[in-house]
Amino acid sequence: MVDRVGNKIDFWCQHGPEECYGNMIHACALDSNPPKTALEFISCCEGQENRTSDETFQKCAKEVGIKFEDLKHCSKTKGTVLQLENARKSDNVDYGWVPYITFNDKDDKYVSSDAEEHFKDVVCKLFADKPPKGCLPPMNKTNVTKA
């Protein structure tokens, strides 16, 4: 939720200011890195005991090759703009639970629900015309010997 008073903008998150800070760091990761790297970073953070601490962000940034200092700088310089954009996107979706997954900013409750349990399958189906690498079947390597 966004609260505007004059030129001041405050974000209110379900789990408090720590969650808002984490959302901002994640938004910065998505804004300044390839999607795969950003999602690996976010996945790493979500797997930690304290998901929104600077220690977690530093550890996960290092693990995936992101500079934590860049994320921190982004959170202070353009984090609010990114957070507002994400809030706007959330306002355009009639979600009834979180996490609520959208693809290409399209609201589809059935796709979101299915993606929670079968994320890769949904991605591969939605992008079948130009599938990501992870959707392609593994290449069979056979050993050929000459007689």
C-alpha atoms as a PDB file:
ATOM      1  CA  MET A   1       0.000   0.000   0.000  1.00  0.00           C
ATOM      2  CA  VAL A   2       1.221   3.499  -0.797  1.00  0.00           C
ATOM      3  CA  ASP A   3       0.552   6.526   1.374  1.00  0.00           C
ATOM      4  CA  ARG A   4       1.310   9.955  -0.082  1.00  0.00           C
ATOM      5  CA  VAL A   5       1.446  13.080   2.045  1.00  0.00           C
ATOM      6  CA  GLY A   6       2.678  16.064   0.088  1.00  0.00           C
ATOM      7  CA  ASN A   7       5.970  15.042  -1.503  1.00  0.00           C
ATOM      8  CA  LYS A   8       6.551  12.215   0.979  1.00  0.00           C
ATOM      9  CA  ILE A   9       5.782   8.651  -0.022  1.00  0.00           C
ATOM     10  CA  ASP A  10       5.468   5.837   2.500  1.00  0.00           C
ATOM     11  CA  PHE A  11       5.017   2.175   1.667  1.00  0.00           C
ATOM     12  CA  TRP A  12       3.066  -0.129   3.951  1.00  0.00           C
ATOM     13  CA  CYS A  13       3.729  -3.841   3.643  1.00  0.00           C
ATOM     14  CA  GLN A  14       1.881  -6.728   5.253  1.00  0.00           C
ATOM     15  CA  HIS A  15       4.961  -7.843   7.207  1.00  0.00           C
ATOM     16  CA  GLY A  16       6.285  -4.401   8.091  1.00  0.00           C
ATOM     17  CA  PRO A  17       9.105  -2.116   6.948  1.00  0.00           C
ATOM     18  CA  GLU A  18      11.567  -5.007   6.551  1.00  0.00           C
ATOM     19  CA  GLU A  19       9.357  -6.517   3.861  1.00  0.00           C
ATOM     20  CA  CYS A  20       9.105  -3.143   2.097  1.00  0.00           C
ATOM     21  CA  TYR A  21      12.907  -2.835   2.144  1.00  0.00           C
ATOM     22  CA  GLY A  22      13.242  -6.362   0.762  1.00  0.00           C
ATOM     23  CA  ASN A  23      10.730  -5.586  -1.983  1.00  0.00           C
ATOM     24  CA  MET A  24      12.781  -2.537  -2.948  1.00  0.00           C
ATOM     25  CA  ILE A  25      16.046  -4.510  -3.072  1.00  0.00           C
ATOM     26  CA  HIS A  26      14.322  -7.174  -5.193  1.00  0.00           C
ATOM     27  CA  ALA A  27      12.925  -4.486  -7.513  1.00  0.00           C
ATOM     28  CA  CYS A  28      16.434  -3.085  -7.931  1.00  0.00           C
ATOM     29  CA  ALA A  29      17.801  -6.559  -8.697  1.00  0.00           C
ATOM     30  CA  LEU A  30      15.135  -7.044 -11.372  1.00  0.00           C
ATOM     31  CA  ASP A  31      15.749  -3.595 -12.818  1.00  0.00           C
ATOM     32  CA  SER A  32      19.511  -3.850 -13.180  1.00  0.00           C
ATOM     33  CA  ASN A  33      20.226  -7.501 -13.972  1.00  0.00           C
ATOM     34  CA  PRO A  34      19.236 -10.168 -16.471  1.00  0.00           C
ATOM     35  CA  PRO A  35      15.985 -11.834 -15.356  1.00  0.00           C
ATOM     36  CA  LYS A  36      17.670 -15.194 -14.654  1.00  0.00           C
ATOM     37  CA  THR A  37      20.276 -13.590 -12.377  1.00  0.00           C
ATOM     38  CA  ALA A  38      17.688 -11.465 -10.575  1.00  0.00           C
ATOM     39  CA  LEU A  39      15.401 -14.452 -10.013  1.00  0.00           C
ATOM     40  CA  GLU A  40      18.316 -16.543  -8.720  1.00  0.00           C
ATOM     41  CA  PHE A  41      19.087 -13.718  -6.291  1.00  0.00           C
ATOM     42  CA  ILE A  42      15.471 -13.463  -5.104  1.00  0.00           C
ATOM     43  CA  SER A  43      15.174 -17.245  -4.799  1.00  0.00           C
ATOM     44  CA  CYS A  44      18.345 -17.335  -2.699  1.00  0.00           C
ATOM     45  CA  CYS A  45      16.997 -14.588  -0.421  1.00  0.00           C
ATOM     46  CA  GLU A  46      13.660 -16.346   0.015  1.00  0.00           C
ATOM     47  CA  GLY A  47      15.494 -19.485   1.112  1.00  0.00           C
ATOM     48  CA  GLN A  48      17.272 -17.739   3.996  1.00  0.00           C
ATOM     49  CA  GLU A  49      16.068 -17.534   7.589  1.00  0.00           C
ATOM     50  CA  ASN A  50      16.117 -13.720   7.599  1.00  0.00           C
ATOM     51  CA  ARG A  51      14.998 -12.959   4.046  1.00  0.00           C
ATOM     52  CA  THR A  52      15.312  -9.172   4.216  1.00  0.00           C
ATOM     53  CA  SER A  53      18.565  -8.542   6.070  1.00  0.00           C
ATOM     54  CA  ASP A  54      21.585  -6.882   4.504  1.00  0.00           C
ATOM     55  CA  GLU A  55      23.572  -9.993   5.454  1.00  0.00           C
ATOM     56  CA  THR A  56      21.211 -12.135   3.371  1.00  0.00           C
ATOM     57  CA  PHE A  57      21.334  -9.686   0.466  1.00  0.00           C
ATOM     58  CA  GLN A  58      25.149  -9.605   0.586  1.00  0.00           C
ATOM     59  CA  LYS A  59      25.413 -13.409   0.712  1.00  0.00           C
ATOM     60  CA  CYS A  60      22.953 -13.976  -2.128  1.00  0.00           C
ATOM     61  CA  ALA A  61      24.337 -11.142  -4.256  1.00  0.00           C
ATOM     62  CA  LYS A  62      27.806 -12.638  -4.001  1.00  0.00           C
ATOM     63  CA  GLU A  63      26.434 -16.102  -4.797  1.00  0.00           C
ATOM     64  CA  VAL A  64      24.865 -14.972  -8.095  1.00  0.00           C
ATOM     65  CA  GLY A  65      27.412 -12.336  -9.104  1.00  0.00           C
ATOM     66  CA  ILE A  66      25.539  -9.137  -8.233  1.00  0.00           C
ATOM     67  CA  LYS A  67      27.192  -6.259  -6.385  1.00  0.00           C
ATOM     68  CA  PHE A  68      25.252  -5.635  -3.186  1.00  0.00           C
ATOM     69  CA  GLU A  69      26.537  -2.037  -3.138  1.00  0.00           C
ATOM     70  CA  ASP A  70      24.746  -1.450  -6.474  1.00  0.00           C
ATOM     71  CA  LEU A  71      21.473  -2.778  -5.048  1.00  0.00           C
ATOM     72  CA  LYS A  72      21.830  -0.617  -1.946  1.00  0.00           C
ATOM     73  CA  HIS A  73      22.602   2.454  -4.091  1.00  0.00           C
ATOM     74  CA  CYS A  74      19.594   1.727  -6.309  1.00  0.00           C
ATOM     75  CA  SER A  75      17.323   1.395  -3.271  1.00  0.00           C
ATOM     76  CA  LYS A  76      18.350   4.914  -2.207  1.00  0.00           C
ATOM     77  CA  THR A  77      18.233   6.555  -5.641  1.00  0.00           C
ATOM     78  CA  LYS A  78      15.498   4.928  -7.699  1.00  0.00           C
ATOM     79  CA  GLY A  79      14.018   2.354  -5.360  1.00  0.00           C
ATOM     80  CA  THR A  80      10.969   4.483  -4.619  1.00  0.00           C
ATOM     81  CA  VAL A  81      10.206   4.876  -8.336  1.00  0.00           C
ATOM     82  CA  LEU A  82      10.548   1.121  -8.886  1.00  0.00           C
ATOM     83  CA  GLN A  83       8.392   0.395  -5.845  1.00  0.00           C
ATOM     84  CA  LEU A  84       5.707   2.803  -7.082  1.00  0.00           C
ATOM     85  CA  GLU A  85       5.705   1.079 -10.468  1.00  0.00           C
ATOM     86  CA  ASN A  86       5.249  -2.293  -8.779  1.00  0.00           C
ATOM     87  CA  ALA A  87       2.445  -0.861  -6.628  1.00  0.00           C
ATOM     88  CA  ARG A  88       0.752   0.430  -9.790  1.00  0.00           C
ATOM     89  CA  LYS A  89       1.023  -3.012 -11.363  1.00  0.00           C
ATOM     90  CA  SER A  90      -0.450  -4.581  -8.210  1.00  0.00           C
ATOM     91  CA  ASP A  91      -3.364  -2.142  -8.324  1.00  0.00           C
ATOM     92  CA  ASN A  92      -4.157  -3.387 -11.843  1.00  0.00           C
ATOM     93  CA  VAL A  93      -4.487  -6.993 -10.675  1.00  0.00           C
ATOM     94  CA  ASP A  94      -7.438  -8.344  -8.723  1.00  0.00           C
ATOM     95  CA  TYR A  95      -5.429 -10.785  -6.638  1.00  0.00           C
ATOM     96  CA  GLY A  96      -6.880 -12.588  -3.662  1.00  0.00           C
ATOM     97  CA  TRP A  97      -3.698 -14.184  -2.338  1.00  0.00           C
ATOM     98  CA  VAL A  98       0.068 -13.824  -2.367  1.00  0.00           C
ATOM     99  CA  PRO A  99       2.227 -14.682  -4.040  1.00  0.00           C
ATOM    100  CA  TYR A 100       0.121 -13.930  -7.088  1.00  0.00           C
ATOM    101  CA  ILE A 101       1.990 -14.626 -10.314  1.00  0.00           C
ATOM    102  CA  THR A 102       1.354 -12.717 -13.512  1.00  0.00           C
ATOM    103  CA  PHE A 103       2.977 -13.099 -16.902  1.00  0.00           C
ATOM    104  CA  ASN A 104       3.372 -10.064 -19.144  1.00  0.00           C
ATOM    105  CA  ASP A 105       1.218  -8.051 -16.714  1.00  0.00           C
ATOM    106  CA  LYS A 106      -1.869 -10.149 -17.538  1.00  0.00           C
ATOM    107  CA  ASP A 107      -4.233 -11.059 -14.702  1.00  0.00           C
ATOM    108  CA  ASP A 108      -5.304 -14.709 -14.876  1.00  0.00           C
ATOM    109  CA  LYS A 109      -6.214 -16.438 -11.624  1.00  0.00           C
ATOM    110  CA  TYR A 110      -6.042 -19.908 -13.184  1.00  0.00           C
ATOM    111  CA  VAL A 111      -2.554 -19.330 -14.591  1.00  0.00           C
ATOM    112  CA  SER A 112      -1.374 -17.821 -11.306  1.00  0.00           C
ATOM    113  CA  SER A 113      -2.678 -20.746  -9.286  1.00  0.00           C
ATOM    114  CA  ASP A 114      -1.176 -23.281 -11.689  1.00  0.00           C
ATOM    115  CA  ALA A 115       2.165 -21.430 -11.728  1.00  0.00           C
ATOM    116  CA  GLU A 116       2.449 -21.707  -7.946  1.00  0.00           C
ATOM    117  CA  GLU A 117       2.653 -25.487  -8.225  1.00  0.00           C
ATOM    118  CA  HIS A 118       4.010 -25.972 -11.755  1.00  0.00           C
ATOM    119  CA  PHE A 119       5.957 -22.804 -12.530  1.00  0.00           C
ATOM    120  CA  LYS A 120       8.306 -24.254 -15.141  1.00  0.00           C
ATOM    121  CA  ASP A 121       5.483 -26.048 -16.971  1.00  0.00           C
ATOM    122  CA  VAL A 122       3.445 -22.843 -17.148  1.00  0.00           C
ATOM    123  CA  VAL A 123       6.413 -20.814 -18.400  1.00  0.00           C
ATOM    124  CA  CYS A 124       7.193 -23.405 -21.066  1.00  0.00           C
ATOM    125  CA  LYS A 125       3.554 -23.477 -22.198  1.00  0.00           C
ATOM    126  CA  LEU A 126       3.198 -19.688 -22.324  1.00  0.00           C
ATOM    127  CA  PHE A 127       6.440 -19.218 -24.221  1.00  0.00           C
ATOM    128  CA  ALA A 128       6.200 -22.301 -26.438  1.00  0.00           C
ATOM    129  CA  ASP A 129       6.841 -20.258 -29.598  1.00  0.00           C
ATOM    130  CA  LYS A 130      10.197 -19.052 -28.202  1.00  0.00           C
ATOM    131  CA  PRO A 131      10.974 -21.286 -25.226  1.00  0.00           C
ATOM    132  CA  PRO A 132      13.617 -20.432 -22.639  1.00  0.00           C
ATOM    133  CA  LYS A 133      16.598 -22.795 -22.454  1.00  0.00           C
ATOM    134  CA  GLY A 134      15.143 -24.614 -19.455  1.00  0.00           C
ATOM    135  CA  CYS A 135      12.156 -25.698 -21.546  1.00  0.00           C
ATOM    136  CA  LEU A 136      14.181 -27.323 -24.286  1.00  0.00           C
ATOM    137  CA  PRO A 137      14.710 -31.071 -24.114  1.00  0.00           C
ATOM    138  CA  PRO A 138      18.214 -32.112 -23.144  1.00  0.00           C
ATOM    139  CA  MET A 139      20.472 -32.885 -26.046  1.00  0.00           C
ATOM    140  CA  ASN A 140      21.392 -36.546 -26.218  1.00  0.00           C
ATOM    141  CA  LYS A 141      25.082 -37.043 -26.596  1.00  0.00           C
ATOM    142  CA  THR A 142      26.094 -40.352 -28.009  1.00  0.00           C
ATOM    143  CA  ASN A 143      29.529 -41.709 -28.305  1.00  0.00           C
ATOM    144  CA  VAL A 144      30.382 -42.623 -31.829  1.00  0.00           C
ATOM    145  CA  THR A 145      33.304 -44.928 -32.350  1.00  0.00           C
ATOM    146  CA  LYS A 146      34.798 -45.812 -35.697  1.00  0.00           C
ATOM    147  CA  ALA A 147      35.425 -49.449 -36.390  1.00  0.00           C
END
